[in-house]
Amino acid sequence: MAILQITFIACGIFFEFEFFTRSPVLVTFSVLFSFGLSFLSIGFFITTLCSDVKVGYTVAYSFLLFSIVMAMFMTAPVFIFYLYNDEANWFVYAVRSVFSLYPAFHFSKLFHDIA
């Protein structure tokens, strides 16, 4: 998995994406590597729950699509500001505690903070 992250960072630097050129390589690698490990553990969890291979592929693919959509939604600055507002109501605290169990939320927050 580390080879994939290094290739990803090298391609980002080669094509001069601002996220990869402005942030240190070690920080970017640690963020991407920890995000990959968290999704790997969720993949193991899904394969443990599903008894059939076809059901496992369906659940894993739907989780991947859901995480892509949620990552695009969660990187919006308005959403991040609303979640971390000091004067938020109880619903925001409940949503934040549920999202804390979801790896894409932490990745989106780190990506927003670094970029």
C-alpha atoms as a PDB file:
ATOM      1  CA  MET A   1       0.000   0.000   0.000  1.00  0.00           C
ATOM      2  CA  ALA A   2       2.915   2.350   0.610  1.00  0.00           C
ATOM      3  CA  ILE A   3       3.967   2.015  -3.036  1.00  0.00           C
ATOM      4  CA  LEU A   4       0.512   3.157  -4.112  1.00  0.00           C
ATOM      5  CA  GLN A   5       0.681   6.209  -1.840  1.00  0.00           C
ATOM      6  CA  ILE A   6       4.164   7.132  -3.075  1.00  0.00           C
ATOM      7  CA  THR A   7       2.987   6.815  -6.684  1.00  0.00           C
ATOM      8  CA  PHE A   8      -0.049   8.946  -5.892  1.00  0.00           C
ATOM      9  CA  ILE A   9       2.123  11.669  -4.331  1.00  0.00           C
ATOM     10  CA  ALA A  10       4.629  11.533  -7.201  1.00  0.00           C
ATOM     11  CA  CYS A  11       1.864  11.962  -9.778  1.00  0.00           C
ATOM     12  CA  GLY A  12       0.391  14.843  -7.772  1.00  0.00           C
ATOM     13  CA  ILE A  13       3.748  16.601  -7.665  1.00  0.00           C
ATOM     14  CA  PHE A  14       4.448  15.840 -11.337  1.00  0.00           C
ATOM     15  CA  PHE A  15       1.144  17.352 -12.458  1.00  0.00           C
ATOM     16  CA  GLU A  16       1.654  20.254 -10.007  1.00  0.00           C
ATOM     17  CA  PHE A  17      -1.554  19.923  -8.023  1.00  0.00           C
ATOM     18  CA  GLU A  18      -1.563  22.616  -5.386  1.00  0.00           C
ATOM     19  CA  PHE A  19      -2.298  20.230  -2.523  1.00  0.00           C
ATOM     20  CA  PHE A  20       0.829  18.180  -3.247  1.00  0.00           C
ATOM     21  CA  THR A  21       3.168  21.078  -3.989  1.00  0.00           C
ATOM     22  CA  ARG A  22       2.235  23.188  -0.943  1.00  0.00           C
ATOM     23  CA  SER A  23       2.187  20.484   1.735  1.00  0.00           C
ATOM     24  CA  PRO A  24       5.184  18.504   3.010  1.00  0.00           C
ATOM     25  CA  VAL A  25       5.596  15.052   1.504  1.00  0.00           C
ATOM     26  CA  LEU A  26       5.742  13.333   4.900  1.00  0.00           C
ATOM     27  CA  VAL A  27       2.460  14.896   6.016  1.00  0.00           C
ATOM     28  CA  THR A  28       0.757  13.999   2.742  1.00  0.00           C
ATOM     29  CA  PHE A  29       2.069  10.447   2.915  1.00  0.00           C
ATOM     30  CA  SER A  30       0.929   9.963   6.506  1.00  0.00           C
ATOM     31  CA  VAL A  31      -2.557  11.309   5.729  1.00  0.00           C
ATOM     32  CA  LEU A  32      -2.989   9.121   2.660  1.00  0.00           C
ATOM     33  CA  PHE A  33      -1.480   6.059   4.323  1.00  0.00           C
ATOM     34  CA  SER A  34      -3.674   6.312   7.422  1.00  0.00           C
ATOM     35  CA  PHE A  35      -6.742   6.877   5.233  1.00  0.00           C
ATOM     36  CA  GLY A  36      -5.853   3.762   3.222  1.00  0.00           C
ATOM     37  CA  LEU A  37      -5.422   1.715   6.391  1.00  0.00           C
ATOM     38  CA  SER A  38      -8.783   2.819   7.709  1.00  0.00           C
ATOM     39  CA  PHE A  39     -10.520   1.841   4.481  1.00  0.00           C
ATOM     40  CA  LEU A  40      -8.661  -1.461   4.476  1.00  0.00           C
ATOM     41  CA  SER A  41      -9.955  -2.249   7.942  1.00  0.00           C
ATOM     42  CA  ILE A  42     -13.495  -1.371   6.850  1.00  0.00           C
ATOM     43  CA  GLY A  43     -13.028  -3.682   3.856  1.00  0.00           C
ATOM     44  CA  PHE A  44     -12.040  -6.516   6.181  1.00  0.00           C
ATOM     45  CA  PHE A  45     -15.070  -5.761   8.325  1.00  0.00           C
ATOM     46  CA  ILE A  46     -17.388  -5.891   5.304  1.00  0.00           C
ATOM     47  CA  THR A  47     -15.947  -9.209   4.119  1.00  0.00           C
ATOM     48  CA  THR A  48     -16.457 -10.637   7.580  1.00  0.00           C
ATOM     49  CA  LEU A  49     -20.138  -9.679   7.616  1.00  0.00           C
ATOM     50  CA  CYS A  50     -20.986 -10.816   4.074  1.00  0.00           C
ATOM     51  CA  SER A  51     -21.181 -14.540   3.462  1.00  0.00           C
ATOM     52  CA  ASP A  52     -21.433 -14.345  -0.340  1.00  0.00           C
ATOM     53  CA  VAL A  53     -18.821 -12.803  -2.628  1.00  0.00           C
ATOM     54  CA  LYS A  54     -21.418 -11.037  -4.769  1.00  0.00           C
ATOM     55  CA  VAL A  55     -23.034  -9.412  -1.724  1.00  0.00           C
ATOM     56  CA  GLY A  56     -19.602  -8.393  -0.455  1.00  0.00           C
ATOM     57  CA  TYR A  57     -18.724  -6.703  -3.749  1.00  0.00           C
ATOM     58  CA  THR A  58     -22.073  -4.911  -3.793  1.00  0.00           C
ATOM     59  CA  VAL A  59     -21.720  -3.640  -0.235  1.00  0.00           C
ATOM     60  CA  ALA A  60     -18.096  -2.587  -0.750  1.00  0.00           C
ATOM     61  CA  TYR A  61     -18.871  -0.783  -4.014  1.00  0.00           C
ATOM     62  CA  SER A  62     -21.845   1.028  -2.496  1.00  0.00           C
ATOM     63  CA  PHE A  63     -19.676   2.053   0.470  1.00  0.00           C
ATOM     64  CA  LEU A  64     -17.038   3.366  -1.934  1.00  0.00           C
ATOM     65  CA  LEU A  65     -19.575   5.406  -3.900  1.00  0.00           C
ATOM     66  CA  PHE A  66     -21.076   6.733  -0.690  1.00  0.00           C
ATOM     67  CA  SER A  67     -17.653   7.753   0.591  1.00  0.00           C
ATOM     68  CA  ILE A  68     -16.824   9.610  -2.647  1.00  0.00           C
ATOM     69  CA  VAL A  69     -20.065  11.583  -2.528  1.00  0.00           C
ATOM     70  CA  MET A  70     -19.681  12.324   1.170  1.00  0.00           C
ATOM     71  CA  ALA A  71     -16.042  13.392   0.717  1.00  0.00           C
ATOM     72  CA  MET A  72     -17.099  15.892  -1.939  1.00  0.00           C
ATOM     73  CA  PHE A  73     -19.856  17.145   0.343  1.00  0.00           C
ATOM     74  CA  MET A  74     -17.669  17.311   3.452  1.00  0.00           C
ATOM     75  CA  THR A  75     -14.868  19.324   1.884  1.00  0.00           C
ATOM     76  CA  ALA A  76     -17.179  22.302   1.437  1.00  0.00           C
ATOM     77  CA  PRO A  77     -16.004  25.092   3.751  1.00  0.00           C
ATOM     78  CA  VAL A  78     -19.568  25.913   4.807  1.00  0.00           C
ATOM     79  CA  PHE A  79     -20.136  22.359   6.032  1.00  0.00           C
ATOM     80  CA  ILE A  80     -16.876  22.302   8.004  1.00  0.00           C
ATOM     81  CA  PHE A  81     -17.651  25.711   9.533  1.00  0.00           C
ATOM     82  CA  TYR A  82     -21.156  24.603  10.508  1.00  0.00           C
ATOM     83  CA  LEU A  83     -19.884  21.416  12.158  1.00  0.00           C
ATOM     84  CA  TYR A  84     -17.204  23.180  14.175  1.00  0.00           C
ATOM     85  CA  ASN A  85     -19.173  26.281  15.104  1.00  0.00           C
ATOM     86  CA  ASP A  86     -19.012  27.084  18.830  1.00  0.00           C
ATOM     87  CA  GLU A  87     -22.692  27.968  19.024  1.00  0.00           C
ATOM     88  CA  ALA A  88     -24.028  24.793  17.421  1.00  0.00           C
ATOM     89  CA  ASN A  89     -27.147  23.018  18.623  1.00  0.00           C
ATOM     90  CA  TRP A  90     -27.438  19.397  19.778  1.00  0.00           C
ATOM     91  CA  PHE A  91     -28.101  18.080  16.273  1.00  0.00           C
ATOM     92  CA  VAL A  92     -24.706  19.262  15.034  1.00  0.00           C
ATOM     93  CA  TYR A  93     -22.961  17.532  17.935  1.00  0.00           C
ATOM     94  CA  ALA A  94     -24.869  14.316  17.147  1.00  0.00           C
ATOM     95  CA  VAL A  95     -23.931  14.490  13.456  1.00  0.00           C
ATOM     96  CA  ARG A  96     -20.296  15.174  14.318  1.00  0.00           C
ATOM     97  CA  SER A  97     -20.164  12.201  16.688  1.00  0.00           C
ATOM     98  CA  VAL A  98     -21.656   9.906  14.038  1.00  0.00           C
ATOM     99  CA  PHE A  99     -19.258  11.214  11.389  1.00  0.00           C
ATOM    100  CA  SER A 100     -16.316  10.659  13.733  1.00  0.00           C
ATOM    101  CA  LEU A 101     -16.774   6.927  13.115  1.00  0.00           C
ATOM    102  CA  TYR A 102     -16.534   7.429   9.345  1.00  0.00           C
ATOM    103  CA  PRO A 103     -12.966   7.543   7.905  1.00  0.00           C
ATOM    104  CA  ALA A 104     -13.801   9.814   4.978  1.00  0.00           C
ATOM    105  CA  PHE A 105     -14.878  12.527   7.410  1.00  0.00           C
ATOM    106  CA  HIS A 106     -11.446  12.683   9.014  1.00  0.00           C
ATOM    107  CA  PHE A 107      -9.754  12.573   5.606  1.00  0.00           C
ATOM    108  CA  SER A 108     -11.957  15.419   4.348  1.00  0.00           C
ATOM    109  CA  LYS A 109     -11.197  17.494   7.437  1.00  0.00           C
ATOM    110  CA  LEU A 110      -7.451  16.900   7.086  1.00  0.00           C
ATOM    111  CA  PHE A 111      -7.568  17.656   3.375  1.00  0.00           C
ATOM    112  CA  HIS A 112      -9.465  20.879   4.077  1.00  0.00           C
ATOM    113  CA  ASP A 113      -6.995  21.915   6.788  1.00  0.00           C
ATOM    114  CA  ILE A 114      -3.902  21.161   4.725  1.00  0.00           C
ATOM    115  CA  ALA A 115      -5.149  22.601   1.436  1.00  0.00           C
END
